Amino acid sequence: MLKAETNPYDTMALALSALAWILSDDARAARLLSLTGLDGADLRARVGDPALHDAIFAFLEAHQPDLMACAESLGVPPAQLARPELQR
């Protein structure tokens, strides 16, 4: 069976939507910045960087309630926000 190719633009759009969801809550945003060591300027400068996208997905994967809430808010299955799912 052939694997479907992942569209990098879809992955980036999903990562940026997830980032917007994360940043919509001050406590969650502070936790992301604390855990990643990034600041607002870093986020803006690296918005197109796949490494940042991975960090966003890893952040969500590390806390299942956030993963589930983000998926519900974005209208996607939680597995779609998981890095292994995106790398298939």
PDB file of N, CA and C in Angstrom:
ATOM      1  N   MET A   1       0.844  -1.162   0.000  1.00  0.00           N
ATOM      2  CA  MET A   1       0.000   0.000   0.000  1.00  0.00           C
ATOM      3  C   MET A   1       0.896   1.233   0.000  1.00  0.00           C
ATOM      4  N   LEU A   2       0.561   2.224  -0.799  1.00  0.00           N
ATOM      5  CA  LEU A   2       1.326   3.459  -0.858  1.00  0.00           C
ATOM      6  C   LEU A   2       0.972   4.350   0.320  1.00  0.00           C
ATOM      7  N   LYS A   3       1.996   5.005   0.854  1.00  0.00           N
ATOM      8  CA  LYS A   3       1.759   5.968   1.916  1.00  0.00           C
ATOM      9  C   LYS A   3       1.367   7.300   1.292  1.00  0.00           C
ATOM     10  N   ALA A   4       0.426   7.953   1.905  1.00  0.00           N
ATOM     11  CA  ALA A   4       0.074   9.294   1.451  1.00  0.00           C
ATOM     12  C   ALA A   4       1.172  10.253   1.890  1.00  0.00           C
ATOM     13  N   GLU A   5       1.555  11.129   1.002  1.00  0.00           N
ATOM     14  CA  GLU A   5       2.565  12.108   1.360  1.00  0.00           C
ATOM     15  C   GLU A   5       1.930  13.179   2.234  1.00  0.00           C
ATOM     16  N   THR A   6       2.693  13.622   3.232  1.00  0.00           N
ATOM     17  CA  THR A   6       2.224  14.690   4.091  1.00  0.00           C
ATOM     18  C   THR A   6       2.513  16.012   3.412  1.00  0.00           C
ATOM     19  N   ASN A   7       1.525  16.832   3.309  1.00  0.00           N
ATOM     20  CA  ASN A   7       1.690  18.152   2.731  1.00  0.00           C
ATOM     21  C   ASN A   7       2.293  19.062   3.792  1.00  0.00           C
ATOM     22  N   PRO A   8       3.508  19.593   3.555  1.00  0.00           N
ATOM     23  CA  PRO A   8       4.139  20.430   4.574  1.00  0.00           C
ATOM     24  C   PRO A   8       3.330  21.679   4.901  1.00  0.00           C
ATOM     25  N   TYR A   9       2.548  22.163   3.938  1.00  0.00           N
ATOM     26  CA  TYR A   9       1.721  23.338   4.207  1.00  0.00           C
ATOM     27  C   TYR A   9       0.584  22.994   5.160  1.00  0.00           C
ATOM     28  N   ASP A  10       0.014  21.803   5.029  1.00  0.00           N
ATOM     29  CA  ASP A  10      -1.024  21.373   5.955  1.00  0.00           C
ATOM     30  C   ASP A  10      -0.454  21.222   7.356  1.00  0.00           C
ATOM     31  N   THR A  11       0.742  20.652   7.454  1.00  0.00           N
ATOM     32  CA  THR A  11       1.393  20.484   8.750  1.00  0.00           C
ATOM     33  C   THR A  11       1.671  21.839   9.374  1.00  0.00           C
ATOM     34  N   MET A  12       2.173  22.777   8.579  1.00  0.00           N
ATOM     35  CA  MET A  12       2.458  24.107   9.099  1.00  0.00           C
ATOM     36  C   MET A  12       1.168  24.799   9.534  1.00  0.00           C
ATOM     37  N   ALA A  13       0.120  24.691   8.747  1.00  0.00           N
ATOM     38  CA  ALA A  13      -1.155  25.313   9.109  1.00  0.00           C
ATOM     39  C   ALA A  13      -1.692  24.725  10.410  1.00  0.00           C
ATOM     40  N   LEU A  14      -1.574  23.418  10.556  1.00  0.00           N
ATOM     41  CA  LEU A  14      -2.034  22.769  11.780  1.00  0.00           C
ATOM     42  C   LEU A  14      -1.196  23.224  12.972  1.00  0.00           C
ATOM     43  N   ALA A  15       0.127  23.288  12.799  1.00  0.00           N
ATOM     44  CA  ALA A  15       1.015  23.734  13.876  1.00  0.00           C
ATOM     45  C   ALA A  15       0.697  25.170  14.279  1.00  0.00           C
ATOM     46  N   LEU A  16       0.477  26.032  13.307  1.00  0.00           N
ATOM     47  CA  LEU A  16       0.191  27.431  13.617  1.00  0.00           C
ATOM     48  C   LEU A  16      -1.183  27.592  14.255  1.00  0.00           C
ATOM     49  N   SER A  17      -2.137  26.791  13.846  1.00  0.00           N
ATOM     50  CA  SER A  17      -3.451  26.811  14.498  1.00  0.00           C
ATOM     51  C   SER A  17      -3.328  26.339  15.941  1.00  0.00           C
ATOM     52  N   ALA A  18      -2.536  25.295  16.149  1.00  0.00           N
ATOM     53  CA  ALA A  18      -2.309  24.795  17.507  1.00  0.00           C
ATOM     54  C   ALA A  18      -1.583  25.846  18.344  1.00  0.00           C
ATOM     55  N   LEU A  19      -0.608  26.530  17.752  1.00  0.00           N
ATOM     56  CA  LEU A  19       0.109  27.586  18.474  1.00  0.00           C
ATOM     57  C   LEU A  19      -0.852  28.699  18.876  1.00  0.00           C
ATOM     58  N   ALA A  20      -1.719  29.105  17.977  1.00  0.00           N
ATOM     59  CA  ALA A  20      -2.701  30.143  18.307  1.00  0.00           C
ATOM     60  C   ALA A  20      -3.583  29.693  19.462  1.00  0.00           C
ATOM     61  N   TRP A  21      -3.973  28.411  19.447  1.00  0.00           N
ATOM     62  CA  TRP A  21      -4.794  27.883  20.539  1.00  0.00           C
ATOM     63  C   TRP A  21      -4.009  27.925  21.848  1.00  0.00           C
ATOM     64  N   ILE A  22      -2.750  27.510  21.815  1.00  0.00           N
ATOM     65  CA  ILE A  22      -1.910  27.520  23.020  1.00  0.00           C
ATOM     66  C   ILE A  22      -1.793  28.934  23.570  1.00  0.00           C
ATOM     67  N   LEU A  23      -1.523  29.890  22.695  1.00  0.00           N
ATOM     68  CA  LEU A  23      -1.289  31.268  23.121  1.00  0.00           C
ATOM     69  C   LEU A  23      -2.561  31.988  23.552  1.00  0.00           C
ATOM     70  N   SER A  24      -3.719  31.385  23.314  1.00  0.00           N
ATOM     71  CA  SER A  24      -4.983  32.019  23.706  1.00  0.00           C
ATOM     72  C   SER A  24      -5.219  31.969  25.213  1.00  0.00           C
ATOM     73  N   ASP A  25      -4.402  31.214  25.922  1.00  0.00           N
ATOM     74  CA  ASP A  25      -4.517  31.087  27.371  1.00  0.00           C
ATOM     75  C   ASP A  25      -3.180  31.497  27.988  1.00  0.00           C
ATOM     76  N   ASP A  26      -3.185  32.500  28.861  1.00  0.00           N
ATOM     77  CA  ASP A  26      -1.933  33.026  29.412  1.00  0.00           C
ATOM     78  C   ASP A  26      -1.109  31.974  30.145  1.00  0.00           C
ATOM     79  N   ALA A  27      -1.752  31.149  30.958  1.00  0.00           N
ATOM     80  CA  ALA A  27      -1.010  30.133  31.715  1.00  0.00           C
ATOM     81  C   ALA A  27      -0.400  29.091  30.779  1.00  0.00           C
ATOM     82  N   ARG A  28      -1.164  28.670  29.796  1.00  0.00           N
ATOM     83  CA  ARG A  28      -0.666  27.682  28.834  1.00  0.00           C
ATOM     84  C   ARG A  28       0.475  28.281  28.009  1.00  0.00           C
ATOM     85  N   ALA A  29       0.328  29.540  27.598  1.00  0.00           N
ATOM     86  CA  ALA A  29       1.378  30.214  26.830  1.00  0.00           C
ATOM     87  C   ALA A  29       2.658  30.319  27.656  1.00  0.00           C
ATOM     88  N   ALA A  30       2.519  30.682  28.921  1.00  0.00           N
ATOM     89  CA  ALA A  30       3.695  30.787  29.792  1.00  0.00           C
ATOM     90  C   ALA A  30       4.375  29.433  29.949  1.00  0.00           C
ATOM     91  N   ARG A  31       3.578  28.376  30.052  1.00  0.00           N
ATOM     92  CA  ARG A  31       4.152  27.027  30.168  1.00  0.00           C
ATOM     93  C   ARG A  31       4.911  26.656  28.901  1.00  0.00           C
ATOM     94  N   LEU A  32       4.355  26.965  27.727  1.00  0.00           N
ATOM     95  CA  LEU A  32       5.054  26.683  26.467  1.00  0.00           C
ATOM     96  C   LEU A  32       6.388  27.416  26.424  1.00  0.00           C
ATOM     97  N   LEU A  33       6.371  28.699  26.742  1.00  0.00           N
ATOM     98  CA  LEU A  33       7.608  29.478  26.694  1.00  0.00           C
ATOM     99  C   LEU A  33       8.622  28.962  27.707  1.00  0.00           C
ATOM    100  N   SER A  34       8.156  28.611  28.886  1.00  0.00           N
ATOM    101  CA  SER A  34       9.053  28.085  29.919  1.00  0.00           C
ATOM    102  C   SER A  34       9.674  26.756  29.511  1.00  0.00           C
ATOM    103  N   LEU A  35       8.862  25.862  28.988  1.00  0.00           N
ATOM    104  CA  LEU A  35       9.360  24.530  28.625  1.00  0.00           C
ATOM    105  C   LEU A  35      10.255  24.539  27.394  1.00  0.00           C
ATOM    106  N   THR A  36      10.000  25.453  26.468  1.00  0.00           N
ATOM    107  CA  THR A  36      10.795  25.487  25.235  1.00  0.00           C
ATOM    108  C   THR A  36      11.986  26.427  25.329  1.00  0.00           C
ATOM    109  N   GLY A  37      11.964  27.345  26.293  1.00  0.00           N
ATOM    110  CA  GLY A  37      13.033  28.334  26.394  1.00  0.00           C
ATOM    111  C   GLY A  37      12.918  29.444  25.357  1.00  0.00           C
ATOM    112  N   LEU A  38      11.803  29.485  24.658  1.00  0.00           N
ATOM    113  CA  LEU A  38      11.586  30.506  23.632  1.00  0.00           C
ATOM    114  C   LEU A  38      10.904  31.723  24.246  1.00  0.00           C
ATOM    115  N   ASP A  39      10.955  32.827  23.513  1.00  0.00           N
ATOM    116  CA  ASP A  39      10.176  34.001  23.890  1.00  0.00           C
ATOM    117  C   ASP A  39       9.350  34.432  22.683  1.00  0.00           C
ATOM    118  N   GLY A  40       8.590  35.482  22.841  1.00  0.00           N
ATOM    119  CA  GLY A  40       7.718  35.927  21.761  1.00  0.00           C
ATOM    120  C   GLY A  40       8.470  36.237  20.478  1.00  0.00           C
ATOM    121  N   ALA A  41       9.633  36.858  20.601  1.00  0.00           N
ATOM    122  CA  ALA A  41      10.434  37.187  19.412  1.00  0.00           C
ATOM    123  C   ALA A  41      10.895  35.916  18.709  1.00  0.00           C
ATOM    124  N   ASP A  42      11.285  34.905  19.500  1.00  0.00           N
ATOM    125  CA  ASP A  42      11.699  33.621  18.913  1.00  0.00           C
ATOM    126  C   ASP A  42      10.545  32.988  18.140  1.00  0.00           C
ATOM    127  N   LEU A  43       9.363  33.012  18.733  1.00  0.00           N
ATOM    128  CA  LEU A  43       8.196  32.423  18.065  1.00  0.00           C
ATOM    129  C   LEU A  43       7.929  33.108  16.732  1.00  0.00           C
ATOM    130  N   ARG A  44       7.965  34.433  16.738  1.00  0.00           N
ATOM    131  CA  ARG A  44       7.720  35.167  15.490  1.00  0.00           C
ATOM    132  C   ARG A  44       8.800  34.883  14.453  1.00  0.00           C
ATOM    133  N   ALA A  45      10.053  34.818  14.886  1.00  0.00           N
ATOM    134  CA  ALA A  45      11.167  34.604  13.955  1.00  0.00           C
ATOM    135  C   ALA A  45      11.170  33.191  13.377  1.00  0.00           C
ATOM    136  N   ARG A  46      10.656  32.221  14.136  1.00  0.00           N
ATOM    137  CA  ARG A  46      10.753  30.816  13.732  1.00  0.00           C
ATOM    138  C   ARG A  46       9.420  30.227  13.294  1.00  0.00           C
ATOM    139  N   VAL A  47       8.452  31.066  12.994  1.00  0.00           N
ATOM    140  CA  VAL A  47       7.099  30.596  12.696  1.00  0.00           C
ATOM    141  C   VAL A  47       7.061  29.566  11.566  1.00  0.00           C
ATOM    142  N   GLY A  48       7.960  29.635  10.616  1.00  0.00           N
ATOM    143  CA  GLY A  48       7.977  28.674   9.508  1.00  0.00           C
ATOM    144  C   GLY A  48       8.940  27.525   9.705  1.00  0.00           C
ATOM    145  N   ASP A  49       9.577  27.445  10.861  1.00  0.00           N
ATOM    146  CA  ASP A  49      10.603  26.436  11.143  1.00  0.00           C
ATOM    147  C   ASP A  49       9.956  25.110  11.574  1.00  0.00           C
ATOM    148  N   PRO A  50      10.218  24.028  10.839  1.00  0.00           N
ATOM    149  CA  PRO A  50       9.651  22.727  11.229  1.00  0.00           C
ATOM    150  C   PRO A  50      10.031  22.302  12.651  1.00  0.00           C
ATOM    151  N   ALA A  51      11.181  22.749  13.142  1.00  0.00           N
ATOM    152  CA  ALA A  51      11.567  22.409  14.516  1.00  0.00           C
ATOM    153  C   ALA A  51      10.607  23.051  15.520  1.00  0.00           C
ATOM    154  N   LEU A  52      10.154  24.256  15.229  1.00  0.00           N
ATOM    155  CA  LEU A  52       9.167  24.896  16.100  1.00  0.00           C
ATOM    156  C   LEU A  52       7.846  24.142  16.040  1.00  0.00           C
ATOM    157  N   HIS A  53       7.467  23.712  14.845  1.00  0.00           N
ATOM    158  CA  HIS A  53       6.224  22.951  14.702  1.00  0.00           C
ATOM    159  C   HIS A  53       6.303  21.673  15.538  1.00  0.00           C
ATOM    160  N   ASP A  54       7.448  20.985  15.482  1.00  0.00           N
ATOM    161  CA  ASP A  54       7.633  19.779  16.296  1.00  0.00           C
ATOM    162  C   ASP A  54       7.512  20.104  17.780  1.00  0.00           C
ATOM    163  N   ALA A  55       8.080  21.241  18.197  1.00  0.00           N
ATOM    164  CA  ALA A  55       8.005  21.637  19.606  1.00  0.00           C
ATOM    165  C   ALA A  55       6.559  21.898  20.025  1.00  0.00           C
ATOM    166  N   ILE A  56       5.779  22.471  19.133  1.00  0.00           N
ATOM    167  CA  ILE A  56       4.363  22.730  19.426  1.00  0.00           C
ATOM    168  C   ILE A  56       3.619  21.410  19.611  1.00  0.00           C
ATOM    169  N   PHE A  57       3.837  20.471  18.693  1.00  0.00           N
ATOM    170  CA  PHE A  57       3.166  19.174  18.804  1.00  0.00           C
ATOM    171  C   PHE A  57       3.650  18.413  20.038  1.00  0.00           C
ATOM    172  N   ALA A  58       4.946  18.484  20.342  1.00  0.00           N
ATOM    173  CA  ALA A  58       5.489  17.813  21.529  1.00  0.00           C
ATOM    174  C   ALA A  58       4.872  18.401  22.797  1.00  0.00           C
ATOM    175  N   PHE A  59       4.706  19.711  22.821  1.00  0.00           N
ATOM    176  CA  PHE A  59       4.084  20.380  23.961  1.00  0.00           C
ATOM    177  C   PHE A  59       2.680  19.828  24.197  1.00  0.00           C
ATOM    178  N   LEU A  60       1.916  19.691  23.133  1.00  0.00           N
ATOM    179  CA  LEU A  60       0.558  19.163  23.266  1.00  0.00           C
ATOM    180  C   LEU A  60       0.567  17.694  23.674  1.00  0.00           C
ATOM    181  N   GLU A  61       1.474  16.917  23.098  1.00  0.00           N
ATOM    182  CA  GLU A  61       1.555  15.490  23.424  1.00  0.00           C
ATOM    183  C   GLU A  61       1.904  15.260  24.890  1.00  0.00           C
ATOM    184  N   ALA A  62       2.638  16.192  25.474  1.00  0.00           N
ATOM    185  CA  ALA A  62       3.108  16.025  26.849  1.00  0.00           C
ATOM    186  C   ALA A  62       2.003  16.224  27.883  1.00  0.00           C
ATOM    187  N   HIS A  63       0.876  16.786  27.479  1.00  0.00           N
ATOM    188  CA  HIS A  63      -0.217  17.046  28.420  1.00  0.00           C
ATOM    189  C   HIS A  63      -1.537  16.709  27.729  1.00  0.00           C
ATOM    190  N   GLN A  64      -2.005  15.491  27.977  1.00  0.00           N
ATOM    191  CA  GLN A  64      -3.172  14.979  27.256  1.00  0.00           C
ATOM    192  C   GLN A  64      -4.400  15.885  27.334  1.00  0.00           C
ATOM    193  N   PRO A  65      -4.695  16.515  28.479  1.00  0.00           N
ATOM    194  CA  PRO A  65      -5.865  17.405  28.477  1.00  0.00           C
ATOM    195  C   PRO A  65      -5.744  18.538  27.451  1.00  0.00           C
ATOM    196  N   ASP A  66      -4.542  19.082  27.301  1.00  0.00           N
ATOM    197  CA  ASP A  66      -4.345  20.123  26.280  1.00  0.00           C
ATOM    198  C   ASP A  66      -4.481  19.544  24.877  1.00  0.00           C
ATOM    199  N   LEU A  67      -3.920  18.377  24.661  1.00  0.00           N
ATOM    200  CA  LEU A  67      -4.015  17.729  23.349  1.00  0.00           C
ATOM    201  C   LEU A  67      -5.477  17.532  22.963  1.00  0.00           C
ATOM    202  N   MET A  68      -6.259  17.010  23.891  1.00  0.00           N
ATOM    203  CA  MET A  68      -7.668  16.743  23.613  1.00  0.00           C
ATOM    204  C   MET A  68      -8.453  18.044  23.391  1.00  0.00           C
ATOM    205  N   ALA A  69      -8.207  19.035  24.234  1.00  0.00           N
ATOM    206  CA  ALA A  69      -8.929  20.305  24.110  1.00  0.00           C
ATOM    207  C   ALA A  69      -8.556  21.033  22.823  1.00  0.00           C
ATOM    208  N   CYS A  70      -7.282  21.004  22.468  1.00  0.00           N
ATOM    209  CA  CYS A  70      -6.837  21.646  21.233  1.00  0.00           C
ATOM    210  C   CYS A  70      -7.457  20.952  20.028  1.00  0.00           C
ATOM    211  N   ALA A  71      -7.430  19.640  20.026  1.00  0.00           N
ATOM    212  CA  ALA A  71      -8.017  18.885  18.915  1.00  0.00           C
ATOM    213  C   ALA A  71      -9.498  19.220  18.765  1.00  0.00           C
ATOM    214  N   GLU A  72     -10.208  19.272  19.880  1.00  0.00           N
ATOM    215  CA  GLU A  72     -11.633  19.606  19.827  1.00  0.00           C
ATOM    216  C   GLU A  72     -11.838  21.018  19.278  1.00  0.00           C
ATOM    217  N   SER A  73     -11.031  21.955  19.755  1.00  0.00           N
ATOM    218  CA  SER A  73     -11.153  23.338  19.302  1.00  0.00           C
ATOM    219  C   SER A  73     -10.865  23.488  17.813  1.00  0.00           C
ATOM    220  N   LEU A  74      -9.875  22.733  17.323  1.00  0.00           N
ATOM    221  CA  LEU A  74      -9.493  22.817  15.913  1.00  0.00           C
ATOM    222  C   LEU A  74     -10.345  21.924  15.015  1.00  0.00           C
ATOM    223  N   GLY A  75     -11.139  21.047  15.630  1.00  0.00           N
ATOM    224  CA  GLY A  75     -11.996  20.153  14.853  1.00  0.00           C
ATOM    225  C   GLY A  75     -11.234  19.061  14.136  1.00  0.00           C
ATOM    226  N   VAL A  76     -10.171  18.564  14.781  1.00  0.00           N
ATOM    227  CA  VAL A  76      -9.373  17.483  14.198  1.00  0.00           C
ATOM    228  C   VAL A  76      -9.275  16.348  15.208  1.00  0.00           C
ATOM    229  N   PRO A  77      -9.018  15.122  14.740  1.00  0.00           N
ATOM    230  CA  PRO A  77      -8.799  14.027  15.684  1.00  0.00           C
ATOM    231  C   PRO A  77      -7.507  14.285  16.469  1.00  0.00           C
ATOM    232  N   PRO A  78      -7.473  13.936  17.761  1.00  0.00           N
ATOM    233  CA  PRO A  78      -6.257  14.144  18.547  1.00  0.00           C
ATOM    234  C   PRO A  78      -5.012  13.533  17.902  1.00  0.00           C
ATOM    235  N   ALA A  79      -5.160  12.383  17.259  1.00  0.00           N
ATOM    236  CA  ALA A  79      -4.003  11.731  16.633  1.00  0.00           C
ATOM    237  C   ALA A  79      -3.381  12.596  15.547  1.00  0.00           C
ATOM    238  N   GLN A  80      -4.158  13.481  14.967  1.00  0.00           N
ATOM    239  CA  GLN A  80      -3.614  14.339  13.912  1.00  0.00           C
ATOM    240  C   GLN A  80      -2.617  15.353  14.470  1.00  0.00           C
ATOM    241  N   LEU A  81      -2.696  15.617  15.763  1.00  0.00           N
ATOM    242  CA  LEU A  81      -1.763  16.539  16.400  1.00  0.00           C
ATOM    243  C   LEU A  81      -0.516  15.839  16.926  1.00  0.00           C
ATOM    244  N   ALA A  82      -0.453  14.534  16.772  1.00  0.00           N
ATOM    245  CA  ALA A  82       0.700  13.766  17.256  1.00  0.00           C
ATOM    246  C   ALA A  82       1.771  13.714  16.175  1.00  0.00           C
ATOM    247  N   ARG A  83       3.018  13.939  16.557  1.00  0.00           N
ATOM    248  CA  ARG A  83       4.114  13.966  15.585  1.00  0.00           C
ATOM    249  C   ARG A  83       4.225  12.699  14.754  1.00  0.00           C
ATOM    250  N   PRO A  84       4.119  11.507  15.327  1.00  0.00           N
ATOM    251  CA  PRO A  84       4.219  10.314  14.468  1.00  0.00           C
ATOM    252  C   PRO A  84       3.155  10.298  13.378  1.00  0.00           C
ATOM    253  N   GLU A  85       1.964  10.754  13.698  1.00  0.00           N
ATOM    254  CA  GLU A  85       0.891  10.812  12.704  1.00  0.00           C
ATOM    255  C   GLU A  85       1.275  11.763  11.576  1.00  0.00           C
ATOM    256  N   LEU A  86       1.893  12.868  11.901  1.00  0.00           N
ATOM    257  CA  LEU A  86       2.267  13.863  10.896  1.00  0.00           C
ATOM    258  C   LEU A  86       3.427  13.399  10.031  1.00  0.00           C
ATOM    259  N   GLN A  87       4.228  12.462  10.531  1.00  0.00           N
ATOM    260  CA  GLN A  87       5.416  12.025   9.804  1.00  0.00           C
ATOM    261  C   GLN A  87       5.157  10.820   8.920  1.00  0.00           C
ATOM    262  N   ARG A  88       3.948  10.294   8.893  1.00  0.00           N
ATOM    263  CA  ARG A  88       3.631   9.130   8.060  1.00  0.00           C
ATOM    264  C   ARG A  88       3.553   9.504   6.611  1.00  0.00           C
TER     265      ARG A  88
END
